Amino acid sequence: MRFPLIGTTVAVRILFNAHELAAVVELPSIDTSGAARRHLDTRRLPAALAISPRFTLAIDVGNLTASNADVVGLLREYLSRASIVVLRDRLRKGGASQPLGEGDTPLPAIVQLLASASPAVPAVFEYDYAGLRSATDEIKLSLDYLAGLSRSK
């Protein structure tokens, strides 16, 4: 279901859970240059969340990084409304996904913030880049990287 909201479009997935209506708000990418470079418009986020206290966020830290956003600041501000955090490493300025630890996403700070979240917020790792190793090896290296961040908090 998509609906207009203050001059933009916000994608909303409606979830039915224990006979209660909830929604996950996702911000679409908007083209700001007429080229392939895209960013997420986070300015409309407060208005979208104000519609209902049952609205939650799926926060993709890789997309926020590629959008040149203050990832840690936004995560800190909206973590209480997050239903899930997607962990990926991307380059700034619309850049591609990278192996964890090789892009511009501030993963150490993000993992530290997630570790201190109460209540806990689930996080998933998204593997979506062409690696130099097999997919199995890339995923193992990524999980080892995340485990190392968790131990060093």
Protein backbone atom coordinates (compact mmCIF):
# COMPACT_ATOMS: atom_id res chain seq x y z
CA MET A 1 0.00 0.00 0.00
CA ARG A 2 1.42 3.39 -0.96
CA PHE A 3 -0.05 6.73 0.00
CA PRO A 4 0.93 10.37 -0.47
CA LEU A 5 2.35 12.12 2.56
CA ILE A 6 3.27 15.79 2.51
CA GLY A 7 4.51 15.83 -1.05
CA THR A 8 6.30 12.50 -1.01
CA THR A 9 5.42 8.83 -1.07
CA VAL A 10 6.01 6.49 1.81
CA ALA A 11 5.75 2.75 1.32
CA VAL A 12 3.84 1.07 4.11
CA ARG A 13 3.63 -2.67 4.63
CA ILE A 14 0.59 -3.56 6.68
CA LEU A 15 1.12 -6.39 9.16
CA PHE A 16 -1.58 -8.30 10.97
CA ASN A 17 -0.30 -9.61 14.28
CA ALA A 18 -2.52 -10.95 17.06
CA HIS A 19 -5.52 -9.10 15.60
CA GLU A 20 -3.73 -5.76 15.82
CA LEU A 21 -2.88 -3.59 12.87
CA ALA A 22 0.71 -2.45 12.57
CA ALA A 23 2.86 -1.11 9.77
CA VAL A 24 6.49 -0.88 8.77
CA VAL A 25 7.40 2.45 7.17
CA GLU A 26 9.97 2.35 4.38
CA LEU A 27 11.29 5.48 2.72
CA PRO A 28 11.67 5.17 -1.05
CA SER A 29 14.79 6.36 -2.79
CA ILE A 30 14.30 9.64 -4.59
CA ASP A 31 16.37 10.81 -7.52
CA THR A 32 17.92 14.19 -6.77
CA SER A 33 20.25 14.59 -9.71
CA GLY A 34 18.56 13.01 -12.72
CA ALA A 35 21.37 10.45 -12.70
CA ALA A 36 21.84 7.12 -11.01
CA ARG A 37 22.78 8.72 -7.67
CA ARG A 38 19.85 8.37 -5.28
CA HIS A 39 19.23 9.15 -1.63
CA LEU A 40 16.60 8.58 1.02
CA ASP A 41 14.52 11.56 2.05
CA THR A 42 14.54 11.30 5.85
CA ARG A 43 12.96 14.74 6.35
CA ARG A 44 9.48 13.22 6.08
CA LEU A 45 10.13 10.49 8.61
CA PRO A 46 8.69 12.28 11.68
CA ALA A 47 5.42 12.98 9.83
CA ALA A 48 5.15 9.35 8.69
CA LEU A 49 5.76 8.01 12.20
CA ALA A 50 3.29 10.50 13.68
CA ILE A 51 0.44 8.79 11.83
CA SER A 52 0.42 5.95 14.34
CA PRO A 53 2.49 4.84 17.33
CA ARG A 54 2.18 1.31 15.86
CA PHE A 55 4.26 2.29 12.81
CA THR A 56 7.80 0.96 12.99
CA LEU A 57 10.88 1.29 10.81
CA ALA A 58 12.99 -1.12 8.82
CA ILE A 59 16.31 0.76 8.98
CA ASP A 60 18.85 -0.14 6.29
CA VAL A 61 22.14 1.41 7.42
CA GLY A 62 23.74 0.75 4.04
CA ASN A 63 21.11 2.78 2.19
CA LEU A 64 21.44 5.58 4.72
CA THR A 65 25.22 5.60 4.22
CA ALA A 66 24.88 5.72 0.43
CA SER A 67 22.50 8.65 0.96
CA ASN A 68 25.20 10.55 2.87
CA ALA A 69 22.99 10.59 5.96
CA ASP A 70 24.18 10.75 9.57
CA VAL A 71 23.58 7.03 10.06
CA VAL A 72 24.45 6.86 13.75
CA GLY A 73 22.47 10.01 14.54
CA LEU A 74 19.37 8.74 12.72
CA LEU A 75 19.70 5.29 14.27
CA ARG A 76 20.06 6.81 17.73
CA GLU A 77 17.01 9.03 17.11
CA TYR A 78 14.73 6.33 15.68
CA LEU A 79 15.97 3.07 17.25
CA SER A 80 13.00 2.98 19.61
CA ARG A 81 10.71 2.84 16.55
CA ALA A 82 12.76 0.24 14.65
CA SER A 83 11.41 -3.25 14.09
CA ILE A 84 14.60 -4.38 12.34
CA VAL A 85 17.99 -3.00 11.31
CA VAL A 86 19.57 -4.19 8.07
CA LEU A 87 23.37 -4.31 8.29
CA ARG A 88 25.27 -3.73 5.07
CA ASP A 89 28.33 -1.75 4.19
CA ARG A 90 28.09 0.73 1.33
CA LEU A 91 30.09 3.60 -0.04
CA ARG A 92 28.83 7.17 0.34
CA LYS A 93 27.44 9.23 -2.56
CA GLY A 94 25.25 6.44 -3.91
CA GLY A 95 28.09 3.94 -3.84
CA ALA A 96 27.82 0.20 -4.14
CA SER A 97 27.67 -2.39 -1.38
CA GLN A 98 31.01 -3.60 -0.05
CA PRO A 99 32.22 -6.46 2.14
CA LEU A 100 31.59 -5.58 5.79
CA GLY A 101 34.32 -3.31 7.10
CA GLU A 102 35.40 -2.11 3.64
CA GLY A 103 32.75 0.54 2.95
CA ASP A 104 31.79 3.83 4.57
CA THR A 105 29.03 2.56 6.89
CA PRO A 106 30.06 3.19 10.53
CA LEU A 107 29.47 -0.42 11.54
CA PRO A 108 31.45 -0.39 14.84
CA ALA A 109 29.30 2.47 16.19
CA ILE A 110 26.12 0.86 14.86
CA VAL A 111 26.87 -2.51 16.49
CA GLN A 112 27.71 -0.75 19.76
CA LEU A 113 24.40 1.16 19.62
CA LEU A 114 22.45 -2.02 18.86
CA ALA A 115 24.18 -3.85 21.73
CA SER A 116 23.00 -1.20 24.18
CA ALA A 117 19.42 -0.99 22.83
CA SER A 118 16.65 -1.80 25.28
CA PRO A 119 14.51 -3.46 24.24
CA ALA A 120 16.74 -5.30 21.81
CA VAL A 121 16.18 -4.62 18.11
CA PRO A 122 16.79 -7.48 15.67
CA ALA A 123 19.47 -6.95 13.05
CA VAL A 124 20.04 -8.90 9.86
CA PHE A 125 23.11 -8.93 7.65
CA GLU A 126 22.40 -8.45 3.96
CA TYR A 127 24.90 -9.91 1.50
CA ASP A 128 24.29 -8.20 -1.85
CA TYR A 129 27.64 -7.56 -3.51
CA ALA A 130 29.84 -9.46 -5.94
CA GLY A 131 32.70 -10.69 -3.80
CA LEU A 132 36.06 -12.08 -4.76
CA ARG A 133 35.41 -15.31 -2.87
CA SER A 134 32.55 -17.79 -2.89
CA ALA A 135 29.28 -16.62 -1.37
CA THR A 136 29.81 -19.02 1.53
CA ASP A 137 33.26 -17.58 2.25
CA GLU A 138 32.01 -13.98 1.92
CA ILE A 139 29.20 -14.65 4.40
CA LYS A 140 31.54 -16.40 6.84
CA LEU A 141 33.98 -13.46 6.71
CA SER A 142 31.10 -11.02 7.27
CA LEU A 143 29.78 -12.96 10.24
CA ASP A 144 33.31 -13.16 11.69
CA TYR A 145 33.64 -9.39 11.24
CA LEU A 146 30.35 -8.76 13.07
CA ALA A 147 31.32 -11.18 15.85
CA GLY A 148 34.60 -9.29 16.27
CA LEU A 149 32.72 -6.01 16.58
CA SER A 150 30.41 -7.56 19.17
CA ARG A 151 33.35 -8.79 21.26
CA SER A 152 35.12 -5.42 21.16
CA LYS A 153 32.20 -3.34 22.45
